Protein backbone atom coordinates (compact mmCIF):
# COMPACT_ATOMS: atom_id res chain seq x y z
CA UNK A 1 2.97 -25.25 19.48
CA UNK A 2 -0.22 -23.46 18.97
CA UNK A 3 -3.37 -25.11 17.76
CA UNK A 4 -4.56 -24.30 14.35
CA UNK A 5 -7.16 -21.68 13.77
CA UNK A 6 -11.25 -22.25 13.71
CA UNK A 7 -12.41 -23.22 10.52
CA UNK A 8 -15.78 -24.31 9.28
CA UNK A 9 -16.88 -27.66 8.12
CA UNK A 10 -17.25 -27.65 4.23
CA UNK A 11 -20.02 -30.36 4.43
CA UNK A 12 -22.41 -31.81 6.90
CA UNK A 13 -24.78 -34.41 6.85
CA UNK A 14 -27.36 -36.80 8.86
CA UNK A 15 -26.47 -40.48 8.16
CA UNK A 16 -29.04 -43.08 8.58
CA UNK A 17 -27.77 -45.85 10.49
CA UNK A 18 -30.89 -47.82 10.99
CA UNK A 19 -32.94 -48.38 14.15
CA UNK A 20 -34.40 -45.05 13.60
CA UNK A 21 -31.03 -43.22 14.28
CA UNK A 22 -29.46 -40.53 12.12
CA UNK A 23 -26.18 -39.72 13.00
CA UNK A 24 -24.82 -36.20 12.55
CA UNK A 25 -21.33 -35.96 10.50
CA UNK A 26 -19.19 -32.95 9.16
CA UNK A 27 -15.72 -32.67 7.08
CA UNK A 28 -13.35 -29.95 7.03
CA UNK A 29 -10.10 -29.25 6.18
CA UNK A 30 -8.67 -30.62 2.83
CA UNK A 31 -10.88 -32.76 0.94
CA UNK A 32 -7.98 -34.59 -0.63
CA UNK A 33 -5.86 -34.80 2.67
CA UNK A 34 -5.11 -37.49 4.96
CA UNK A 35 -8.47 -38.58 6.40
CA UNK A 36 -8.74 -38.37 10.58
CA UNK A 37 -11.72 -39.48 12.31
CA UNK A 38 -12.15 -37.55 15.64
CA UNK A 39 -14.08 -39.48 18.06
CA UNK A 40 -15.38 -37.50 21.25
CA UNK A 41 -15.42 -38.70 24.78
CA UNK A 42 -18.39 -39.21 27.21
CA UNK A 43 -19.67 -41.33 25.98
CA UNK A 44 -22.59 -38.79 24.81
CA UNK A 45 -20.66 -35.46 24.85
CA UNK A 46 -20.88 -34.93 21.33
CA UNK A 47 -18.16 -33.12 18.85
CA UNK A 48 -17.13 -29.53 19.33
CA UNK A 49 -15.50 -27.15 16.90
CA UNK A 50 -12.44 -27.27 18.97
CA UNK A 51 -11.88 -30.66 17.67
CA UNK A 52 -10.92 -29.44 14.39
CA UNK A 53 -8.02 -27.42 15.55
CA UNK A 54 -5.61 -30.18 16.14
CA UNK A 55 -5.11 -31.00 12.56
CA UNK A 56 -3.25 -29.10 9.83
CA UNK A 57 -6.42 -27.86 7.37
CA UNK A 58 -3.84 -28.13 4.47
CA UNK A 59 -2.81 -31.88 5.03
CA UNK A 60 -5.64 -33.42 6.77
CA UNK A 61 -9.27 -34.22 5.84
CA UNK A 62 -11.05 -33.98 9.35
CA UNK A 63 -14.30 -36.22 10.00
CA UNK A 64 -16.11 -35.54 13.07
CA UNK A 65 -19.32 -37.14 14.15
CA UNK A 66 -21.89 -37.06 16.94
CA UNK A 67 -22.31 -40.73 18.32
CA UNK A 68 -25.70 -42.06 18.60
CA UNK A 69 -28.15 -39.81 20.27
CA UNK A 70 -26.03 -36.93 21.41
CA UNK A 71 -25.03 -33.47 19.95
CA UNK A 72 -26.94 -33.09 16.58
CA UNK A 73 -27.76 -36.94 15.99
CA UNK A 74 -31.27 -37.85 16.54
CA UNK A 75 -33.41 -38.92 18.51
CA UNK A 76 -31.47 -36.96 21.28
CA UNK A 77 -30.93 -38.51 24.56
CA UNK A 78 -31.76 -35.02 26.21
CA UNK A 79 -35.59 -36.13 25.65
CA UNK A 80 -35.98 -38.32 28.84
CA UNK A 81 -38.32 -40.64 26.76
CA UNK A 82 -35.72 -41.79 23.98
CA UNK A 83 -35.08 -45.10 24.11
CA UNK A 84 -31.11 -45.98 24.03
CA UNK A 85 -31.66 -49.66 23.52
CA UNK A 86 -29.95 -49.31 20.06
CA UNK A 87 -26.78 -47.50 21.21
CA UNK A 88 -24.06 -49.86 21.89
CA UNK A 89 -20.32 -50.01 21.38
CA UNK A 90 -21.09 -52.72 18.65
CA UNK A 91 -23.54 -50.01 16.97
CA UNK A 92 -21.02 -47.28 17.05
CA UNK A 93 -18.40 -49.17 15.27
CA UNK A 94 -20.81 -50.26 12.65
CA UNK A 95 -21.58 -46.46 12.28
CA UNK A 96 -18.22 -45.65 11.77
CA UNK A 97 -17.65 -48.24 8.89
CA UNK A 98 -20.94 -47.05 7.19
CA UNK A 99 -19.82 -43.46 7.71
CA UNK A 100 -16.12 -44.39 6.22
CA UNK A 101 -17.84 -45.75 3.06
CA UNK A 102 -20.10 -42.76 2.65
CA UNK A 103 -17.46 -40.66 2.52
CA UNK A 104 -15.13 -42.92 0.11
CA UNK A 105 -12.64 -43.16 2.72
CA UNK A 106 -10.14 -46.24 2.42
CA UNK A 107 -8.15 -45.88 5.67
CA UNK A 108 -8.04 -43.30 8.03
CA UNK A 109 -5.98 -41.93 11.10
CA UNK A 110 -8.26 -42.27 14.38
CA UNK A 111 -8.18 -39.99 17.28
CA UNK A 112 -9.79 -40.73 20.49
CA UNK A 113 -10.16 -38.73 23.75
CA UNK A 114 -11.29 -40.16 27.02
CA UNK A 115 -14.38 -42.62 26.11
CA UNK A 116 -13.43 -42.14 22.59
CA UNK A 117 -10.03 -44.11 23.15
CA UNK A 118 -12.33 -47.13 24.11
CA UNK A 119 -14.21 -46.54 20.93
CA UNK A 120 -10.84 -46.10 18.88
CA UNK A 121 -9.53 -49.32 20.16
CA UNK A 122 -12.43 -51.32 19.54
CA UNK A 123 -12.76 -50.26 16.19
CA UNK A 124 -9.37 -50.61 15.21
CA UNK A 125 -9.07 -54.18 16.61
CA UNK A 126 -12.21 -55.06 14.58
CA UNK A 127 -11.04 -53.21 11.48
CA UNK A 128 -7.04 -52.73 11.78
CA UNK A 129 -6.98 -52.66 7.76
CA UNK A 130 -8.76 -49.26 8.15
CA UNK A 131 -6.43 -47.66 10.38
CA UNK A 132 -3.48 -45.84 9.33
CA UNK A 133 -2.52 -44.51 13.03
CA UNK A 134 -4.08 -44.06 16.25
CA UNK A 135 -3.83 -41.25 18.68
CA UNK A 136 -5.24 -41.32 21.93
CA UNK A 137 -5.38 -38.94 25.05
CA UNK A 138 -6.55 -39.61 28.37
CA UNK A 139 -6.61 -43.29 27.43
CA UNK A 140 -9.61 -45.57 28.76
CA UNK A 141 -10.66 -49.08 28.13
CA UNK A 142 -13.66 -49.02 30.11
CA UNK A 143 -13.11 -52.49 31.77
CA UNK A 144 -15.64 -52.71 34.48
CA UNK A 145 -12.77 -52.29 37.18
CA UNK A 146 -12.05 -49.02 35.56
CA UNK A 147 -15.54 -48.06 35.63
CA UNK A 148 -15.71 -49.19 39.52
CA UNK A 149 -12.60 -46.96 39.89
CA UNK A 150 -14.12 -44.00 38.81
CA UNK A 151 -17.60 -44.06 40.30
CA UNK A 152 -16.66 -45.89 43.68
CA UNK A 153 -12.86 -45.97 44.46
CA UNK A 154 -12.22 -42.37 43.32
CA UNK A 155 -14.56 -41.23 46.05
CA UNK A 156 -11.67 -41.81 48.57
CA UNK A 157 -9.77 -38.76 47.47
CA UNK A 158 -13.26 -36.70 47.23
CA UNK A 159 -15.29 -38.04 50.43
CA UNK A 160 -17.76 -35.13 50.52
CA UNK A 161 -18.65 -35.21 46.80
CA UNK A 162 -18.75 -38.90 46.51
CA UNK A 163 -21.17 -39.25 49.64
CA UNK A 164 -23.41 -36.57 47.71
CA UNK A 165 -23.13 -38.93 44.45
CA UNK A 166 -23.73 -42.09 46.76
CA UNK A 167 -26.54 -40.39 48.57
CA UNK A 168 -28.54 -39.76 45.32
CA UNK A 169 -29.67 -43.31 45.06
CA UNK A 170 -32.57 -44.86 46.94
CA UNK A 171 -30.99 -46.03 50.51
CA UNK A 172 -31.33 -49.58 49.90
CA UNK A 173 -28.86 -49.13 47.00
CA UNK A 174 -26.11 -47.32 48.43
CA UNK A 175 -23.71 -50.23 49.38
CA UNK A 176 -24.17 -51.83 45.86
CA UNK A 177 -23.43 -50.90 42.37
CA UNK A 178 -24.03 -46.89 42.03
CA UNK A 179 -23.44 -46.90 38.12
CA UNK A 180 -26.51 -49.49 37.85
CA UNK A 181 -28.55 -47.68 40.16
CA UNK A 182 -28.39 -44.44 38.35
CA UNK A 183 -28.89 -46.22 35.19
CA UNK A 184 -32.38 -47.51 36.60
CA UNK A 185 -32.92 -43.89 37.57
CA UNK A 186 -31.99 -42.31 34.45
CA UNK A 187 -33.14 -44.80 31.77
CA UNK A 188 -35.67 -47.16 33.31
CA UNK A 189 -37.69 -45.02 35.91
CA UNK A 190 -39.85 -43.41 33.61
CA UNK A 191 -39.86 -40.52 35.96
CA UNK A 192 -38.70 -37.23 34.67
CA UNK A 193 -38.35 -35.37 37.76
CA UNK A 194 -36.21 -38.40 39.13
CA UNK A 195 -34.01 -38.61 35.72
CA UNK A 196 -33.65 -34.92 36.00
CA UNK A 197 -32.39 -34.90 39.69
CA UNK A 198 -30.15 -38.20 38.71
CA UNK A 199 -28.51 -36.30 35.81
CA UNK A 200 -27.58 -33.38 37.83
CA UNK A 201 -26.30 -35.25 40.59
CA UNK A 202 -24.23 -37.63 38.15
CA UNK A 203 -22.81 -34.46 36.54
CA UNK A 204 -21.65 -33.22 39.65
CA UNK A 205 -19.49 -35.97 40.36
CA UNK A 206 -18.06 -35.96 36.84
CA UNK A 207 -17.11 -32.36 37.51
CA UNK A 208 -15.58 -33.46 40.97
CA UNK A 209 -13.73 -36.20 39.70
CA UNK A 210 -11.24 -33.84 37.68
CA UNK A 211 -11.67 -30.93 40.15
CA UNK A 212 -7.94 -31.97 41.72
CA UNK A 213 -6.55 -30.83 38.52
CA UNK A 214 -4.32 -27.66 37.77
CA UNK A 215 -6.32 -25.07 36.41
CA UNK A 216 -9.84 -26.59 36.40
CA UNK A 217 -12.99 -25.00 36.36
CA UNK A 218 -16.62 -25.99 36.81
CA UNK A 219 -17.83 -27.21 33.51
CA UNK A 220 -20.20 -24.85 31.37
CA UNK A 221 -21.76 -27.70 29.91
CA UNK A 222 -23.10 -29.22 33.04
CA UNK A 223 -25.04 -25.97 33.63
CA UNK A 224 -27.35 -26.91 30.51
CA UNK A 225 -30.03 -29.27 31.67
CA UNK A 226 -30.35 -30.83 28.35
CA UNK A 227 -26.88 -31.43 28.24
CA UNK A 228 -26.79 -32.97 31.71
CA UNK A 229 -29.71 -35.35 30.68
CA UNK A 230 -27.99 -36.30 27.54
CA UNK A 231 -24.64 -37.02 29.04
CA UNK A 232 -25.81 -38.88 32.12
CA UNK A 233 -28.06 -40.92 30.57
CA UNK A 234 -25.80 -42.25 27.81
CA UNK A 235 -22.71 -42.61 30.15
CA UNK A 236 -25.02 -44.88 32.45
CA UNK A 237 -26.26 -46.78 30.02
CA UNK A 238 -22.86 -47.64 28.57
CA UNK A 239 -20.72 -48.02 32.05
CA UNK A 240 -23.74 -50.37 33.64
CA UNK A 241 -23.18 -52.66 30.77
CA UNK A 242 -19.80 -52.60 30.65
CA UNK A 243 -19.79 -50.86 27.05
CA UNK A 244 -20.82 -54.78 25.91
CA UNK A 245 -16.98 -55.34 26.14
CA UNK A 246 -15.68 -58.46 27.69
CA UNK A 247 -13.77 -57.69 30.73
CA UNK A 248 -10.16 -57.04 29.64
CA UNK A 249 -11.08 -57.53 25.81
CA UNK A 250 -9.30 -54.61 24.25
CA UNK A 251 -6.11 -55.40 26.49
CA UNK A 252 -6.39 -59.24 25.59
CA UNK A 253 -6.86 -58.16 21.77
CA UNK A 254 -4.26 -55.62 21.39
CA UNK A 255 -2.10 -58.16 19.40
CA UNK A 256 -4.55 -56.91 16.56
CA UNK A 257 -3.07 -53.59 16.41
CA UNK A 258 0.23 -54.94 15.47
CA UNK A 259 1.74 -52.75 12.76
CA UNK A 260 -0.07 -49.91 13.44
CA UNK A 261 1.48 -46.80 14.85
CA UNK A 262 0.14 -45.25 17.79
CA UNK A 263 0.65 -42.43 20.45
CA UNK A 264 -1.06 -42.50 23.75
CA UNK A 265 -0.67 -39.45 25.74
CA UNK A 266 -2.08 -39.50 29.58
CA UNK A 267 -1.82 -37.26 32.51
CA UNK A 268 -0.23 -38.90 35.65
CA UNK A 269 -2.59 -37.07 37.84
CA UNK A 270 -5.59 -38.28 36.30
CA UNK A 271 -7.25 -39.38 39.47
CA UNK A 272 -10.33 -41.21 37.87
CA UNK A 273 -8.18 -42.90 35.04
CA UNK A 274 -5.10 -44.17 36.62
CA UNK A 275 -1.86 -44.28 34.44
CA UNK A 276 -1.73 -48.07 34.62
CA UNK A 277 -4.39 -48.04 31.67
CA UNK A 278 -2.11 -46.94 29.18
CA UNK A 279 0.91 -48.36 30.40
CA UNK A 280 -0.81 -51.80 30.07
CA UNK A 281 -1.87 -50.98 26.87
CA UNK A 282 1.53 -49.82 25.63
CA UNK A 283 2.95 -53.26 27.09
CA UNK A 284 0.82 -55.27 24.78
CA UNK A 285 0.97 -53.15 21.76
CA UNK A 286 4.87 -52.62 21.05
CA UNK A 287 3.93 -50.16 17.98
CA UNK A 288 2.23 -47.56 20.56
CA UNK A 289 4.51 -45.11 22.18
CA UNK A 290 3.57 -43.67 25.60
CA UNK A 291 3.80 -40.42 26.68
CA UNK A 292 3.07 -39.64 30.23
CA UNK A 293 2.56 -35.95 31.18
CA UNK A 294 3.61 -35.45 35.01
CA UNK A 295 1.71 -31.81 35.16
CA UNK A 296 -1.73 -33.10 33.78
CA UNK A 297 -4.95 -34.90 34.89
CA UNK A 298 -7.72 -36.13 32.65
CA UNK A 299 -8.47 -32.58 31.27
CA UNK A 300 -4.87 -32.31 29.90
CA UNK A 301 -2.51 -29.05 29.97
CA UNK A 302 -0.40 -27.23 27.67
CA UNK A 303 2.22 -30.03 27.39
CA UNK A 304 -0.59 -32.48 26.47
CA UNK A 305 -1.62 -30.19 23.63
CA UNK A 306 1.98 -29.84 22.31
CA UNK A 307 2.30 -34.01 22.36
CA UNK A 308 -0.86 -34.18 20.55
CA UNK A 309 0.14 -31.70 17.88
CA UNK A 310 3.27 -33.32 17.43
CA UNK A 311 1.76 -36.72 16.83
CA UNK A 312 -0.74 -35.17 14.47
CA UNK A 313 1.72 -33.87 12.45
CA UNK A 314 3.68 -37.02 12.64
CA UNK A 315 1.02 -38.86 11.00
CA UNK A 316 -0.04 -36.21 8.45
CA UNK A 317 1.39 -38.02 5.62
CA UNK A 318 0.80 -41.70 7.17
CA UNK A 319 0.46 -43.91 4.05
C-alpha cells in the first residue's frame, strides 16, 4: 500500500496554554471527516508534513501539533536559556484537551509513534470518553526501567558508541544514572558550551541505538545544532523525571482503555524498545491487536507502513 500524497494544512494556529507557552497546531484533510490527532515522538521531535500521509484526506480531519517547546511552539527549547519546568506529561495532556475543545472535536482517533505512544496512552487513560481508537507504532510506556534499558543496557549491543556516550558525563557520574547526568548538563548547567556538547553526544547515541536496523541512515535532523539542542534537552528533561508517571502506571491502568479498539505495531528488532513492551500492554488491554513486524526495528519498514495504513483505513469511520 502507498501512503497518501502530500497535502497542505487548511488552518494553523498558536494555542495559548498558559505558563507563557504557545503550542502550534494545524489541520488538514476533510474538515467534516473523522478526527485524528497525530502525536509525534521524542519527546521534542516536533511534527512533520509526512505525518499527514497516513490518513485518507477525504475521510479524516488530520490534527497535528508541536508539543511544548519544540517545532513551531514557543518558547523554543533550542534556546539553551528556555525554562522547561512547565513542560510535563500532565501539561501535554491538558494541552491536548484544550486543543480538542478549541477545534470543536468531540472524540478523535489518537495516533502515537515512539514517545507519542506514551503520551497517547496517558491521555486515553485519563480521557477514555474522548478516544475513538488508538493506533500506536514503536510502542513505548516510558517506565524508568525502559529508560534504563535504552540508555544503559542497549549499550551492550553497541559498546564503542555507548562508551562515547558514557564518557560525555563527568568521570564521577559515569557509573551512575547517565540520563540524570545529561539532564544536569543540558538543563541545569547554565553553560552553553556544555549544553551544546551534551546535545551532540546525546543525539549521537540516539542515532547509534537504531543503527543496527535494516536500511538505517544517519539522521539528517541531528546535523542541525538547534534541533539537537531542542531534542536532547526535552528528552533528558522527561526521561530523568520518569515522564512524571508512576512506574508501570500505564500498564496498571490499561483497564481504563476497555472498549477502545487499538492496534499496536512494533518491530521485533527494536533494540532500544524490546517487544515485550507492547506484548505486556496487549495482555492488559484485550481490545488491542498486536502486530509484530519481524523485519523491522524502531524506525519501521514497508511492512510497518502497510499495517499502519490498514489500521488507519479500519478506523476512518470509527463511531
